[in-house]
Amino acid sequence: MKDAKMFPLMIKSRKAIKAVREQTYSLVCLNDNVHIRNYEQTMEKIKSSFEAILPEKSSFEI
């Protein structure tokens, strides 16, 4: 797939956050790991990026 990208958050968290927020790819795979620097902060930024592009909850989340 040309329109897909896998991001290992341990080394590419900034690029992953940017790709999600800017919707650069149709499919984004985020590979987390317990060794991510600033894990809580990184996860919060990932969550915020998804909330920015998907502000309304799906029927599965309600």
N, C-alpha and C. Protein backbone atom coordinates (compact mmCIF):
# COMPACT_ATOMS: atom_id res chain seq x y z
N MET A 1 0.85 -1.19 0.00
CA MET A 1 0.00 0.00 0.00
C MET A 1 0.89 1.24 0.00
N LYS A 2 0.64 2.10 -0.94
CA LYS A 2 1.41 3.34 -1.01
C LYS A 2 0.88 4.40 -0.06
N ASP A 3 -0.38 4.27 0.32
CA ASP A 3 -1.00 5.29 1.15
C ASP A 3 -1.11 4.84 2.61
N ALA A 4 -0.13 4.05 3.04
CA ALA A 4 -0.11 3.55 4.42
C ALA A 4 1.29 3.74 5.00
N LYS A 5 1.34 3.88 6.32
CA LYS A 5 2.64 4.08 6.97
C LYS A 5 2.60 3.49 8.36
N MET A 6 3.71 2.82 8.74
CA MET A 6 3.85 2.28 10.08
C MET A 6 4.85 3.16 10.83
N PHE A 7 4.48 3.56 12.04
CA PHE A 7 5.34 4.40 12.86
C PHE A 7 5.66 3.70 14.17
N PRO A 8 6.93 3.34 14.39
CA PRO A 8 7.33 2.86 15.71
C PRO A 8 7.45 4.08 16.62
N LEU A 9 6.56 4.21 17.58
CA LEU A 9 6.50 5.41 18.41
C LEU A 9 7.76 5.61 19.25
N MET A 10 8.54 4.56 19.43
CA MET A 10 9.77 4.68 20.21
C MET A 10 10.76 5.63 19.52
N ILE A 11 10.74 5.67 18.18
CA ILE A 11 11.71 6.51 17.47
C ILE A 11 11.07 7.54 16.53
N LYS A 12 9.78 7.41 16.25
CA LYS A 12 9.16 8.33 15.29
C LYS A 12 7.84 8.91 15.79
N SER A 13 7.76 9.24 17.06
CA SER A 13 6.49 9.71 17.61
C SER A 13 6.08 11.06 17.03
N ARG A 14 7.01 11.98 16.83
CA ARG A 14 6.65 13.29 16.26
C ARG A 14 6.10 13.15 14.86
N LYS A 15 6.72 12.30 14.05
CA LYS A 15 6.25 12.09 12.68
C LYS A 15 4.87 11.43 12.68
N ALA A 16 4.65 10.52 13.62
CA ALA A 16 3.35 9.85 13.72
C ALA A 16 2.26 10.85 14.09
N ILE A 17 2.53 11.69 15.07
CA ILE A 17 1.55 12.68 15.51
C ILE A 17 1.21 13.62 14.36
N LYS A 18 2.21 14.05 13.64
CA LYS A 18 2.00 14.95 12.49
C LYS A 18 1.18 14.24 11.39
N ALA A 19 1.51 12.99 11.11
CA ALA A 19 0.79 12.23 10.07
C ALA A 19 -0.68 12.05 10.42
N VAL A 20 -0.97 11.80 11.69
CA VAL A 20 -2.37 11.64 12.12
C VAL A 20 -3.09 12.98 12.00
N ARG A 21 -2.50 14.03 12.56
CA ARG A 21 -3.15 15.34 12.57
C ARG A 21 -3.39 15.88 11.16
N GLU A 22 -2.42 15.68 10.27
CA GLU A 22 -2.52 16.19 8.90
C GLU A 22 -3.18 15.19 7.95
N GLN A 23 -3.52 14.02 8.46
CA GLN A 23 -4.17 12.97 7.68
C GLN A 23 -3.39 12.68 6.40
N THR A 24 -2.09 12.50 6.57
CA THR A 24 -1.17 12.29 5.46
C THR A 24 -1.41 10.96 4.75
N TYR A 25 -1.84 9.95 5.47
CA TYR A 25 -2.03 8.60 4.93
C TYR A 25 -3.45 8.12 5.18
N SER A 26 -3.91 7.21 4.33
CA SER A 26 -5.23 6.60 4.55
C SER A 26 -5.19 5.60 5.70
N LEU A 27 -4.04 4.99 5.90
CA LEU A 27 -3.87 4.00 6.97
C LEU A 27 -2.60 4.31 7.73
N VAL A 28 -2.71 4.42 9.04
CA VAL A 28 -1.56 4.68 9.90
C VAL A 28 -1.53 3.59 10.96
N CYS A 29 -0.38 2.93 11.09
CA CYS A 29 -0.17 1.91 12.11
C CYS A 29 0.76 2.51 13.16
N LEU A 30 0.32 2.56 14.40
CA LEU A 30 1.13 3.10 15.49
C LEU A 30 1.60 1.94 16.35
N ASN A 31 2.90 1.74 16.39
CA ASN A 31 3.48 0.65 17.16
C ASN A 31 4.04 1.21 18.46
N ASP A 32 3.31 0.97 19.56
CA ASP A 32 3.79 1.50 20.85
C ASP A 32 4.72 0.49 21.52
N ASN A 33 5.33 0.94 22.61
CA ASN A 33 6.35 0.16 23.29
C ASN A 33 6.52 0.74 24.68
N VAL A 34 6.85 -0.07 25.64
CA VAL A 34 7.03 0.42 27.01
C VAL A 34 8.27 1.29 27.15
N HIS A 35 9.14 1.29 26.16
CA HIS A 35 10.38 2.05 26.24
C HIS A 35 10.31 3.42 25.55
N ILE A 36 9.12 3.87 25.22
CA ILE A 36 8.95 5.19 24.60
C ILE A 36 9.32 6.25 25.62
N ARG A 37 10.19 7.19 25.19
CA ARG A 37 10.53 8.30 26.07
C ARG A 37 9.29 9.15 26.27
N ASN A 38 9.07 9.62 27.48
CA ASN A 38 7.91 10.46 27.79
C ASN A 38 6.62 9.78 27.34
N TYR A 39 6.44 8.53 27.74
CA TYR A 39 5.31 7.72 27.29
C TYR A 39 3.97 8.42 27.48
N GLU A 40 3.69 8.90 28.68
CA GLU A 40 2.39 9.53 28.96
C GLU A 40 2.16 10.75 28.08
N GLN A 41 3.17 11.58 27.94
CA GLN A 41 3.06 12.78 27.11
C GLN A 41 2.86 12.41 25.64
N THR A 42 3.58 11.42 25.15
CA THR A 42 3.43 10.98 23.76
C THR A 42 2.03 10.44 23.51
N MET A 43 1.52 9.62 24.43
CA MET A 43 0.18 9.05 24.26
C MET A 43 -0.88 10.15 24.30
N GLU A 44 -0.69 11.16 25.12
CA GLU A 44 -1.64 12.27 25.19
C GLU A 44 -1.64 13.04 23.87
N LYS A 45 -0.48 13.23 23.26
CA LYS A 45 -0.39 13.93 21.98
C LYS A 45 -1.04 13.12 20.87
N ILE A 46 -0.85 11.80 20.89
CA ILE A 46 -1.50 10.92 19.91
C ILE A 46 -3.02 11.02 20.07
N LYS A 47 -3.49 10.93 21.30
CA LYS A 47 -4.93 11.02 21.58
C LYS A 47 -5.49 12.37 21.11
N SER A 48 -4.79 13.45 21.38
CA SER A 48 -5.23 14.78 20.96
C SER A 48 -5.30 14.89 19.45
N SER A 49 -4.35 14.28 18.77
CA SER A 49 -4.34 14.30 17.31
C SER A 49 -5.58 13.61 16.75
N PHE A 50 -5.92 12.45 17.31
CA PHE A 50 -7.11 11.75 16.86
C PHE A 50 -8.38 12.53 17.21
N GLU A 51 -8.42 13.13 18.38
CA GLU A 51 -9.59 13.92 18.76
C GLU A 51 -9.76 15.14 17.87
N ALA A 52 -8.67 15.69 17.36
CA ALA A 52 -8.73 16.85 16.47
C ALA A 52 -9.37 16.48 15.13
N ILE A 53 -9.09 15.28 14.63
CA ILE A 53 -9.65 14.90 13.33
C ILE A 53 -10.95 14.11 13.45
N LEU A 54 -11.21 13.58 14.63
CA LEU A 54 -12.43 12.79 14.88
C LEU A 54 -13.11 13.30 16.16
N PRO A 55 -13.68 14.50 16.11
CA PRO A 55 -14.22 15.11 17.33
C PRO A 55 -15.48 14.44 17.88
N GLU A 56 -16.25 13.77 17.03
CA GLU A 56 -17.49 13.14 17.49
C GLU A 56 -17.28 11.65 17.73
N LYS A 57 -17.85 11.14 18.80
CA LYS A 57 -17.74 9.71 19.10
C LYS A 57 -18.54 8.89 18.11
N SER A 58 -18.02 7.71 17.79
CA SER A 58 -18.76 6.79 16.93
C SER A 58 -19.84 6.11 17.78
N SER A 59 -20.73 5.41 17.12
CA SER A 59 -21.79 4.70 17.84
C SER A 59 -21.23 3.61 18.75
N PHE A 60 -20.03 3.11 18.45
CA PHE A 60 -19.39 2.09 19.28
C PHE A 60 -18.85 2.65 20.57
N GLU A 61 -18.61 3.96 20.63
CA GLU A 61 -18.04 4.59 21.83
C GLU A 61 -19.09 5.15 22.77
N ILE A 62 -20.29 5.23 22.30
CA ILE A 62 -21.36 5.84 23.12
C ILE A 62 -21.94 4.80 24.06
